[in-house]
Amino acid sequence: MSDTMKLLHPEEKQGATIRVDKYEVIKDEILKIVKQNGEIAYKELTNVVKENLAETFEGSITWYVTAVKLDLEARGILERFKSGGLQHLKLVD
């Protein structure tokens, strides 16, 4: 059985439990994309992750991006903000 981890939620809600290997793949992809862009709309981030991982990742990429994004917000790594009415993300300074 693969190792699992409990995700955090920025609003202290119950986080999901996912496999560590899936967490690491999605986390690395999210952080790479955000670093490359400085800031990015959540919808665009999800689309880029889907495009990059569609051939190799098993499971709902959109669900995993959302869950891991929330975990990274709760850990103080990503910051969510509104811009032009859309949710955007950037790395915490």
PDB file of N, CA and C in Angstrom:
ATOM      1  N   MET A   1       0.832  -1.187   0.000  1.00  0.00           N
ATOM      2  CA  MET A   1       0.000   0.000   0.000  1.00  0.00           C
ATOM      3  C   MET A   1       0.878   1.252   0.000  1.00  0.00           C
ATOM      4  N   SER A   2       0.496   2.245  -0.751  1.00  0.00           N
ATOM      5  CA  SER A   2       1.249   3.493  -0.842  1.00  0.00           C
ATOM      6  C   SER A   2       1.052   4.331   0.413  1.00  0.00           C
ATOM      7  N   ASP A   3       2.063   5.138   0.712  1.00  0.00           N
ATOM      8  CA  ASP A   3       1.953   6.064   1.835  1.00  0.00           C
ATOM      9  C   ASP A   3       0.923   7.137   1.511  1.00  0.00           C
ATOM     10  N   THR A   4       0.194   7.560   2.534  1.00  0.00           N
ATOM     11  CA  THR A   4      -0.816   8.599   2.356  1.00  0.00           C
ATOM     12  C   THR A   4      -0.530   9.756   3.311  1.00  0.00           C
ATOM     13  N   MET A   5      -1.165  10.878   3.022  1.00  0.00           N
ATOM     14  CA  MET A   5      -1.043  12.041   3.900  1.00  0.00           C
ATOM     15  C   MET A   5      -2.378  12.749   3.977  1.00  0.00           C
ATOM     16  N   LYS A   6      -2.606  13.400   5.087  1.00  0.00           N
ATOM     17  CA  LYS A   6      -3.814  14.192   5.309  1.00  0.00           C
ATOM     18  C   LYS A   6      -3.522  15.618   4.878  1.00  0.00           C
ATOM     19  N   LEU A   7      -4.340  16.139   3.969  1.00  0.00           N
ATOM     20  CA  LEU A   7      -4.153  17.496   3.489  1.00  0.00           C
ATOM     21  C   LEU A   7      -4.743  18.502   4.471  1.00  0.00           C
ATOM     22  N   LEU A   8      -4.165  19.684   4.481  1.00  0.00           N
ATOM     23  CA  LEU A   8      -4.677  20.782   5.293  1.00  0.00           C
ATOM     24  C   LEU A   8      -5.632  21.617   4.451  1.00  0.00           C
ATOM     25  N   HIS A   9      -6.450  22.412   5.124  1.00  0.00           N
ATOM     26  CA  HIS A   9      -7.385  23.313   4.442  1.00  0.00           C
ATOM     27  C   HIS A   9      -7.223  24.691   5.071  1.00  0.00           C
ATOM     28  N   PRO A  10      -7.163  25.763   4.252  1.00  0.00           N
ATOM     29  CA  PRO A  10      -6.938  27.098   4.812  1.00  0.00           C
ATOM     30  C   PRO A  10      -8.040  27.591   5.741  1.00  0.00           C
ATOM     31  N   GLU A  11      -9.224  27.032   5.628  1.00  0.00           N
ATOM     32  CA  GLU A  11     -10.329  27.433   6.506  1.00  0.00           C
ATOM     33  C   GLU A  11     -10.543  26.419   7.621  1.00  0.00           C
ATOM     34  N   GLU A  12      -9.520  25.624   7.875  1.00  0.00           N
ATOM     35  CA  GLU A  12      -9.519  24.613   8.933  1.00  0.00           C
ATOM     36  C   GLU A  12     -10.637  23.589   8.785  1.00  0.00           C
ATOM     37  N   LYS A  13     -11.090  23.383   7.552  1.00  0.00           N
ATOM     38  CA  LYS A  13     -12.056  22.323   7.271  1.00  0.00           C
ATOM     39  C   LYS A  13     -11.308  21.002   7.181  1.00  0.00           C
ATOM     40  N   GLN A  14     -12.069  19.921   7.126  1.00  0.00           N
ATOM     41  CA  GLN A  14     -11.492  18.590   7.005  1.00  0.00           C
ATOM     42  C   GLN A  14     -10.792  18.450   5.655  1.00  0.00           C
ATOM     43  N   GLY A  15      -9.521  18.096   5.668  1.00  0.00           N
ATOM     44  CA  GLY A  15      -8.773  17.881   4.433  1.00  0.00           C
ATOM     45  C   GLY A  15      -8.867  16.440   3.982  1.00  0.00           C
ATOM     46  N   ALA A  16      -8.661  16.236   2.699  1.00  0.00           N
ATOM     47  CA  ALA A  16      -8.693  14.890   2.130  1.00  0.00           C
ATOM     48  C   ALA A  16      -7.420  14.135   2.497  1.00  0.00           C
ATOM     49  N   THR A  17      -7.465  12.826   2.369  1.00  0.00           N
ATOM     50  CA  THR A  17      -6.292  11.983   2.509  1.00  0.00           C
ATOM     51  C   THR A  17      -5.948  11.463   1.123  1.00  0.00           C
ATOM     52  N   ILE A  18      -4.705  11.714   0.698  1.00  0.00           N
ATOM     53  CA  ILE A  18      -4.292  11.272  -0.633  1.00  0.00           C
ATOM     54  C   ILE A  18      -2.925  10.597  -0.559  1.00  0.00           C
ATOM     55  N   ARG A  19      -2.568   9.919  -1.631  1.00  0.00           N
ATOM     56  CA  ARG A  19      -1.264   9.270  -1.707  1.00  0.00           C
ATOM     57  C   ARG A  19      -0.168  10.330  -1.805  1.00  0.00           C
ATOM     58  N   VAL A  20       0.913  10.102  -1.094  1.00  0.00           N
ATOM     59  CA  VAL A  20       2.032  11.037  -1.069  1.00  0.00           C
ATOM     60  C   VAL A  20       2.617  11.221  -2.469  1.00  0.00           C
ATOM     61  N   ASP A  21       2.726  10.144  -3.246  1.00  0.00           N
ATOM     62  CA  ASP A  21       3.313  10.272  -4.580  1.00  0.00           C
ATOM     63  C   ASP A  21       2.467  11.174  -5.476  1.00  0.00           C
ATOM     64  N   LYS A  22       1.144  11.075  -5.385  1.00  0.00           N
ATOM     65  CA  LYS A  22       0.263  11.947  -6.171  1.00  0.00           C
ATOM     66  C   LYS A  22       0.378  13.395  -5.687  1.00  0.00           C
ATOM     67  N   TYR A  23       0.443  13.586  -4.376  1.00  0.00           N
ATOM     68  CA  TYR A  23       0.619  14.927  -3.811  1.00  0.00           C
ATOM     69  C   TYR A  23       1.882  15.577  -4.359  1.00  0.00           C
ATOM     70  N   GLU A  24       2.973  14.847  -4.331  1.00  0.00           N
ATOM     71  CA  GLU A  24       4.257  15.401  -4.768  1.00  0.00           C
ATOM     72  C   GLU A  24       4.230  15.787  -6.246  1.00  0.00           C
ATOM     73  N   VAL A  25       3.632  14.960  -7.093  1.00  0.00           N
ATOM     74  CA  VAL A  25       3.553  15.258  -8.528  1.00  0.00           C
ATOM     75  C   VAL A  25       2.771  16.543  -8.755  1.00  0.00           C
ATOM     76  N   ILE A  26       1.590  16.646  -8.140  1.00  0.00           N
ATOM     77  CA  ILE A  26       0.738  17.828  -8.330  1.00  0.00           C
ATOM     78  C   ILE A  26       1.380  19.060  -7.693  1.00  0.00           C
ATOM     79  N   LYS A  27       1.912  18.913  -6.495  1.00  0.00           N
ATOM     80  CA  LYS A  27       2.564  20.042  -5.808  1.00  0.00           C
ATOM     81  C   LYS A  27       3.714  20.583  -6.643  1.00  0.00           C
ATOM     82  N   ASP A  28       4.571  19.697  -7.130  1.00  0.00           N
ATOM     83  CA  ASP A  28       5.720  20.134  -7.923  1.00  0.00           C
ATOM     84  C   ASP A  28       5.276  20.859  -9.184  1.00  0.00           C
ATOM     85  N   GLU A  29       4.240  20.363  -9.823  1.00  0.00           N
ATOM     86  CA  GLU A  29       3.731  20.982 -11.052  1.00  0.00           C
ATOM     87  C   GLU A  29       3.130  22.361 -10.751  1.00  0.00           C
ATOM     88  N   ILE A  30       2.329  22.454  -9.695  1.00  0.00           N
ATOM     89  CA  ILE A  30       1.733  23.743  -9.309  1.00  0.00           C
ATOM     90  C   ILE A  30       2.827  24.768  -9.022  1.00  0.00           C
ATOM     91  N   LEU A  31       3.799  24.397  -8.196  1.00  0.00           N
ATOM     92  CA  LEU A  31       4.848  25.342  -7.814  1.00  0.00           C
ATOM     93  C   LEU A  31       5.692  25.758  -9.013  1.00  0.00           C
ATOM     94  N   LYS A  32       5.987  24.822  -9.905  1.00  0.00           N
ATOM     95  CA  LYS A  32       6.754  25.138 -11.113  1.00  0.00           C
ATOM     96  C   LYS A  32       6.015  26.170 -11.963  1.00  0.00           C
ATOM     97  N   ILE A  33       4.725  25.954 -12.169  1.00  0.00           N
ATOM     98  CA  ILE A  33       3.917  26.842 -13.013  1.00  0.00           C
ATOM     99  C   ILE A  33       3.773  28.220 -12.371  1.00  0.00           C
ATOM    100  N   VAL A  34       3.506  28.259 -11.070  1.00  0.00           N
ATOM    101  CA  VAL A  34       3.354  29.552 -10.391  1.00  0.00           C
ATOM    102  C   VAL A  34       4.681  30.318 -10.420  1.00  0.00           C
ATOM    103  N   LYS A  35       5.804  29.630 -10.188  1.00  0.00           N
ATOM    104  CA  LYS A  35       7.116  30.295 -10.239  1.00  0.00           C
ATOM    105  C   LYS A  35       7.378  30.866 -11.627  1.00  0.00           C
ATOM    106  N   GLN A  36       7.033  30.117 -12.662  1.00  0.00           N
ATOM    107  CA  GLN A  36       7.264  30.575 -14.038  1.00  0.00           C
ATOM    108  C   GLN A  36       6.433  31.810 -14.376  1.00  0.00           C
ATOM    109  N   ASN A  37       5.244  31.916 -13.791  1.00  0.00           N
ATOM    110  CA  ASN A  37       4.315  32.988 -14.138  1.00  0.00           C
ATOM    111  C   ASN A  37       4.281  34.143 -13.142  1.00  0.00           C
ATOM    112  N   GLY A  38       4.820  33.951 -11.967  1.00  0.00           N
ATOM    113  CA  GLY A  38       4.744  34.989 -10.932  1.00  0.00           C
ATOM    114  C   GLY A  38       3.404  34.958 -10.216  1.00  0.00           C
ATOM    115  N   GLU A  39       2.343  35.067 -10.994  1.00  0.00           N
ATOM    116  CA  GLU A  39       0.982  34.845 -10.495  1.00  0.00           C
ATOM    117  C   GLU A  39       0.191  34.266 -11.653  1.00  0.00           C
ATOM    118  N   ILE A  40      -0.872  33.548 -11.323  1.00  0.00           N
ATOM    119  CA  ILE A  40      -1.650  32.883 -12.363  1.00  0.00           C
ATOM    120  C   ILE A  40      -3.086  32.711 -11.889  1.00  0.00           C
ATOM    121  N   ALA A  41      -4.014  32.807 -12.819  1.00  0.00           N
ATOM    122  CA  ALA A  41      -5.414  32.541 -12.498  1.00  0.00           C
ATOM    123  C   ALA A  41      -5.567  31.053 -12.195  1.00  0.00           C
ATOM    124  N   TYR A  42      -6.391  30.738 -11.206  1.00  0.00           N
ATOM    125  CA  TYR A  42      -6.601  29.342 -10.820  1.00  0.00           C
ATOM    126  C   TYR A  42      -7.049  28.501 -12.013  1.00  0.00           C
ATOM    127  N   LYS A  43      -7.967  29.022 -12.811  1.00  0.00           N
ATOM    128  CA  LYS A  43      -8.474  28.273 -13.964  1.00  0.00           C
ATOM    129  C   LYS A  43      -7.350  27.973 -14.955  1.00  0.00           C
ATOM    130  N   GLU A  44      -6.509  28.955 -15.204  1.00  0.00           N
ATOM    131  CA  GLU A  44      -5.381  28.753 -16.121  1.00  0.00           C
ATOM    132  C   GLU A  44      -4.400  27.738 -15.549  1.00  0.00           C
ATOM    133  N   LEU A  45      -4.123  27.840 -14.246  1.00  0.00           N
ATOM    134  CA  LEU A  45      -3.239  26.878 -13.588  1.00  0.00           C
ATOM    135  C   LEU A  45      -3.755  25.462 -13.783  1.00  0.00           C
ATOM    136  N   THR A  46      -5.032  25.270 -13.530  1.00  0.00           N
ATOM    137  CA  THR A  46      -5.627  23.942 -13.675  1.00  0.00           C
ATOM    138  C   THR A  46      -5.482  23.440 -15.103  1.00  0.00           C
ATOM    139  N   ASN A  47      -5.736  24.304 -16.069  1.00  0.00           N
ATOM    140  CA  ASN A  47      -5.625  23.903 -17.473  1.00  0.00           C
ATOM    141  C   ASN A  47      -4.199  23.520 -17.851  1.00  0.00           C
ATOM    142  N   VAL A  48      -3.215  24.269 -17.363  1.00  0.00           N
ATOM    143  CA  VAL A  48      -1.817  23.965 -17.677  1.00  0.00           C
ATOM    144  C   VAL A  48      -1.397  22.647 -17.026  1.00  0.00           C
ATOM    145  N   VAL A  49      -1.783  22.431 -15.776  1.00  0.00           N
ATOM    146  CA  VAL A  49      -1.456  21.167 -15.108  1.00  0.00           C
ATOM    147  C   VAL A  49      -2.091  20.005 -15.867  1.00  0.00           C
ATOM    148  N   LYS A  50      -3.348  20.146 -16.267  1.00  0.00           N
ATOM    149  CA  LYS A  50      -4.020  19.087 -17.030  1.00  0.00           C
ATOM    150  C   LYS A  50      -3.274  18.795 -18.327  1.00  0.00           C
ATOM    151  N   GLU A  51      -2.883  19.849 -19.018  1.00  0.00           N
ATOM    152  CA  GLU A  51      -2.156  19.696 -20.278  1.00  0.00           C
ATOM    153  C   GLU A  51      -0.824  18.975 -20.060  1.00  0.00           C
ATOM    154  N   ASN A  52      -0.116  19.346 -19.003  1.00  0.00           N
ATOM    155  CA  ASN A  52       1.205  18.775 -18.733  1.00  0.00           C
ATOM    156  C   ASN A  52       1.161  17.339 -18.229  1.00  0.00           C
ATOM    157  N   LEU A  53       0.110  16.981 -17.490  1.00  0.00           N
ATOM    158  CA  LEU A  53       0.079  15.664 -16.838  1.00  0.00           C
ATOM    159  C   LEU A  53      -0.941  14.688 -17.423  1.00  0.00           C
ATOM    160  N   ALA A  54      -1.686  15.100 -18.428  1.00  0.00           N
ATOM    161  CA  ALA A  54      -2.784  14.277 -18.958  1.00  0.00           C
ATOM    162  C   ALA A  54      -2.346  12.871 -19.359  1.00  0.00           C
ATOM    163  N   GLU A  55      -1.159  12.728 -19.886  1.00  0.00           N
ATOM    164  CA  GLU A  55      -0.691  11.426 -20.378  1.00  0.00           C
ATOM    165  C   GLU A  55      -0.207  10.499 -19.262  1.00  0.00           C
ATOM    166  N   THR A  56       0.176  11.061 -18.126  1.00  0.00           N
ATOM    167  CA  THR A  56       0.846  10.243 -17.112  1.00  0.00           C
ATOM    168  C   THR A  56       0.124  10.136 -15.772  1.00  0.00           C
ATOM    169  N   PHE A  57      -0.798  11.031 -15.480  1.00  0.00           N
ATOM    170  CA  PHE A  57      -1.417  11.078 -14.152  1.00  0.00           C
ATOM    171  C   PHE A  57      -2.749  10.345 -14.160  1.00  0.00           C
ATOM    172  N   GLU A  58      -2.927   9.458 -13.199  1.00  0.00           N
ATOM    173  CA  GLU A  58      -4.195   8.742 -13.056  1.00  0.00           C
ATOM    174  C   GLU A  58      -5.045   9.433 -11.998  1.00  0.00           C
ATOM    175  N   GLY A  59      -6.281   9.724 -12.353  1.00  0.00           N
ATOM    176  CA  GLY A  59      -7.199  10.383 -11.432  1.00  0.00           C
ATOM    177  C   GLY A  59      -7.638  11.717 -11.996  1.00  0.00           C
ATOM    178  N   SER A  60      -8.540  12.363 -11.290  1.00  0.00           N
ATOM    179  CA  SER A  60      -9.070  13.657 -11.708  1.00  0.00           C
ATOM    180  C   SER A  60      -8.054  14.755 -11.389  1.00  0.00           C
ATOM    181  N   ILE A  61      -7.379  15.230 -12.415  1.00  0.00           N
ATOM    182  CA  ILE A  61      -6.361  16.256 -12.216  1.00  0.00           C
ATOM    183  C   ILE A  61      -6.968  17.505 -11.584  1.00  0.00           C
ATOM    184  N   THR A  62      -8.152  17.893 -12.033  1.00  0.00           N
ATOM    185  CA  THR A  62      -8.804  19.080 -11.474  1.00  0.00           C
ATOM    186  C   THR A  62      -9.017  18.930  -9.967  1.00  0.00           C
ATOM    187  N   TRP A  63      -9.492  17.770  -9.532  1.00  0.00           N
ATOM    188  CA  TRP A  63      -9.722  17.536  -8.105  1.00  0.00           C
ATOM    189  C   TRP A  63      -8.408  17.617  -7.335  1.00  0.00           C
ATOM    190  N   TYR A  64      -7.374  16.970  -7.834  1.00  0.00           N
ATOM    191  CA  TYR A  64      -6.084  16.977  -7.148  1.00  0.00           C
ATOM    192  C   TYR A  64      -5.478  18.376  -7.102  1.00  0.00           C
ATOM    193  N   VAL A  65      -5.592  19.139  -8.199  1.00  0.00           N
ATOM    194  CA  VAL A  65      -5.066  20.507  -8.201  1.00  0.00           C
ATOM    195  C   VAL A  65      -5.765  21.331  -7.120  1.00  0.00           C
ATOM    196  N   THR A  66      -7.082  21.213  -7.038  1.00  0.00           N
ATOM    197  CA  THR A  66      -7.834  21.963  -6.025  1.00  0.00           C
ATOM    198  C   THR A  66      -7.409  21.563  -4.617  1.00  0.00           C
ATOM    199  N   ALA A  67      -7.336  20.267  -4.359  1.00  0.00           N
ATOM    200  CA  ALA A  67      -6.995  19.782  -3.021  1.00  0.00           C
ATOM    201  C   ALA A  67      -5.580  20.189  -2.615  1.00  0.00           C
ATOM    202  N   VAL A  68      -4.629  20.025  -3.519  1.00  0.00           N
ATOM    203  CA  VAL A  68      -3.237  20.359  -3.198  1.00  0.00           C
ATOM    204  C   VAL A  68      -3.059  21.876  -3.105  1.00  0.00           C
ATOM    205  N   LYS A  69      -3.735  22.633  -3.952  1.00  0.00           N
ATOM    206  CA  LYS A  69      -3.688  24.102  -3.887  1.00  0.00           C
ATOM    207  C   LYS A  69      -4.150  24.580  -2.508  1.00  0.00           C
ATOM    208  N   LEU A  70      -5.261  24.044  -2.023  1.00  0.00           N
ATOM    209  CA  LEU A  70      -5.763  24.421  -0.700  1.00  0.00           C
ATOM    210  C   LEU A  70      -4.757  24.063   0.389  1.00  0.00           C
ATOM    211  N   ASP A  71      -4.126  22.897   0.267  1.00  0.00           N
ATOM    212  CA  ASP A  71      -3.113  22.483   1.229  1.00  0.00           C
ATOM    213  C   ASP A  71      -1.933  23.459   1.220  1.00  0.00           C
ATOM    214  N   LEU A  72      -1.495  23.855   0.033  1.00  0.00           N
ATOM    215  CA  LEU A  72      -0.375  24.791  -0.073  1.00  0.00           C
ATOM    216  C   LEU A  72      -0.740  26.167   0.482  1.00  0.00           C
ATOM    217  N   GLU A  73      -1.992  26.566   0.337  1.00  0.00           N
ATOM    218  CA  GLU A  73      -2.454  27.817   0.957  1.00  0.00           C
ATOM    219  C   GLU A  73      -2.395  27.689   2.477  1.00  0.00           C
ATOM    220  N   ALA A  74      -2.895  26.580   2.999  1.00  0.00           N
ATOM    221  CA  ALA A  74      -2.927  26.365   4.449  1.00  0.00           C
ATOM    222  C   ALA A  74      -1.518  26.309   5.038  1.00  0.00           C
ATOM    223  N   ARG A  75      -0.554  25.848   4.262  1.00  0.00           N
ATOM    224  CA  ARG A  75       0.839  25.759   4.721  1.00  0.00           C
ATOM    225  C   ARG A  75       1.601  27.075   4.538  1.00  0.00           C
ATOM    226  N   GLY A  76       0.928  28.085   3.979  1.00  0.00           N
ATOM    227  CA  GLY A  76       1.561  29.382   3.802  1.00  0.00           C
ATOM    228  C   GLY A  76       2.530  29.446   2.633  1.00  0.00           C
ATOM    229  N   ILE A  77       2.380  28.545   1.664  1.00  0.00           N
ATOM    230  CA  ILE A  77       3.260  28.510   0.493  1.00  0.00           C
ATOM    231  C   ILE A  77       2.647  29.292  -0.664  1.00  0.00           C
ATOM    232  N   LEU A  78       1.340  29.161  -0.846  1.00  0.00           N
ATOM    233  CA  LEU A  78       0.610  29.894  -1.878  1.00  0.00           C
ATOM    234  C   LEU A  78      -0.334  30.887  -1.236  1.00  0.00           C
ATOM    235  N   GLU A  79      -0.563  31.985  -1.941  1.00  0.00           N
ATOM    236  CA  GLU A  79      -1.541  32.981  -1.511  1.00  0.00           C
ATOM    237  C   GLU A  79      -2.594  33.124  -2.601  1.00  0.00           C
ATOM    238  N   ARG A  80      -3.854  33.125  -2.183  1.00  0.00           N
ATOM    239  CA  ARG A  80      -4.982  33.299  -3.102  1.00  0.00           C
ATOM    240  C   ARG A  80      -5.451  34.747  -3.021  1.00  0.00           C
ATOM    241  N   PHE A  81      -5.761  35.323  -4.186  1.00  0.00           N
ATOM    242  CA  PHE A  81      -6.303  36.681  -4.214  1.00  0.00           C
ATOM    243  C   PHE A  81      -7.177  36.841  -5.453  1.00  0.00           C
ATOM    244  N   LYS A  82      -8.030  37.859  -5.419  1.00  0.00           N
ATOM    245  CA  LYS A  82      -8.916  38.144  -6.556  1.00  0.00           C
ATOM    246  C   LYS A  82      -8.271  39.192  -7.446  1.00  0.00           C
ATOM    247  N   SER A  83      -8.402  38.979  -8.747  1.00  0.00           N
ATOM    248  CA  SER A  83      -7.932  39.949  -9.729  1.00  0.00           C
ATOM    249  C   SER A  83      -8.853  39.862 -10.936  1.00  0.00           C
ATOM    250  N   GLY A  84      -9.497  40.965 -11.256  1.00  0.00           N
ATOM    251  CA  GLY A  84     -10.430  40.957 -12.378  1.00  0.00           C
ATOM    252  C   GLY A  84     -11.593  40.006 -12.165  1.00  0.00           C
ATOM    253  N   GLY A  85     -11.963  39.803 -10.905  1.00  0.00           N
ATOM    254  CA  GLY A  85     -13.073  38.915 -10.587  1.00  0.00           C
ATOM    255  C   GLY A  85     -12.716  37.437 -10.581  1.00  0.00           C
ATOM    256  N   LEU A  86     -11.457  37.109 -10.874  1.00  0.00           N
ATOM    257  CA  LEU A  86     -11.019  35.714 -10.911  1.00  0.00           C
ATOM    258  C   LEU A  86     -10.069  35.419  -9.755  1.00  0.00           C
ATOM    259  N   GLN A  87     -10.080  34.162  -9.317  1.00  0.00           N
ATOM    260  CA  GLN A  87      -9.154  33.727  -8.281  1.00  0.00           C
ATOM    261  C   GLN A  87      -7.769  33.555  -8.908  1.00  0.00           C
ATOM    262  N   HIS A  88      -6.773  34.203  -8.317  1.00  0.00           N
ATOM    263  CA  HIS A  88      -5.391  34.084  -8.752  1.00  0.00           C
ATOM    264  C   HIS A  88      -4.553  33.527  -7.604  1.00  0.00           C
ATOM    265  N   LEU A  89      -3.383  33.031  -7.964  1.00  0.00           N
ATOM    266  CA  LEU A  89      -2.460  32.477  -6.982  1.00  0.00           C
ATOM    267  C   LEU A  89      -1.064  33.031  -7.217  1.00  0.00           C
ATOM    268  N   LYS A  90      -0.329  33.167  -6.118  1.00  0.00           N
ATOM    269  CA  LYS A  90       1.081  33.528  -6.197  1.00  0.00           C
ATOM    270  C   LYS A  90       1.790  32.896  -5.012  1.00  0.00           C
ATOM    271  N   LEU A  91       3.106  32.807  -5.113  1.00  0.00           N
ATOM    272  CA  LEU A  91       3.889  32.301  -3.997  1.00  0.00           C
ATOM    273  C   LEU A  91       3.922  33.348  -2.897  1.00  0.00           C
ATOM    274  N   VAL A  92       3.907  32.901  -1.665  1.00  0.00           N
ATOM    275  CA  VAL A  92       4.022  33.805  -0.522  1.00  0.00           C
ATOM    276  C   VAL A  92       5.462  34.298  -0.473  1.00  0.00           C
ATOM    277  N   ASP A  93       5.620  35.593  -0.246  1.00  0.00           N
ATOM    278  CA  ASP A  93       6.967  36.195  -0.196  1.00  0.00           C
ATOM    279  C   ASP A  93       7.744  35.691   0.986  1.00  0.00           C
TER     280      ASP A  93
END
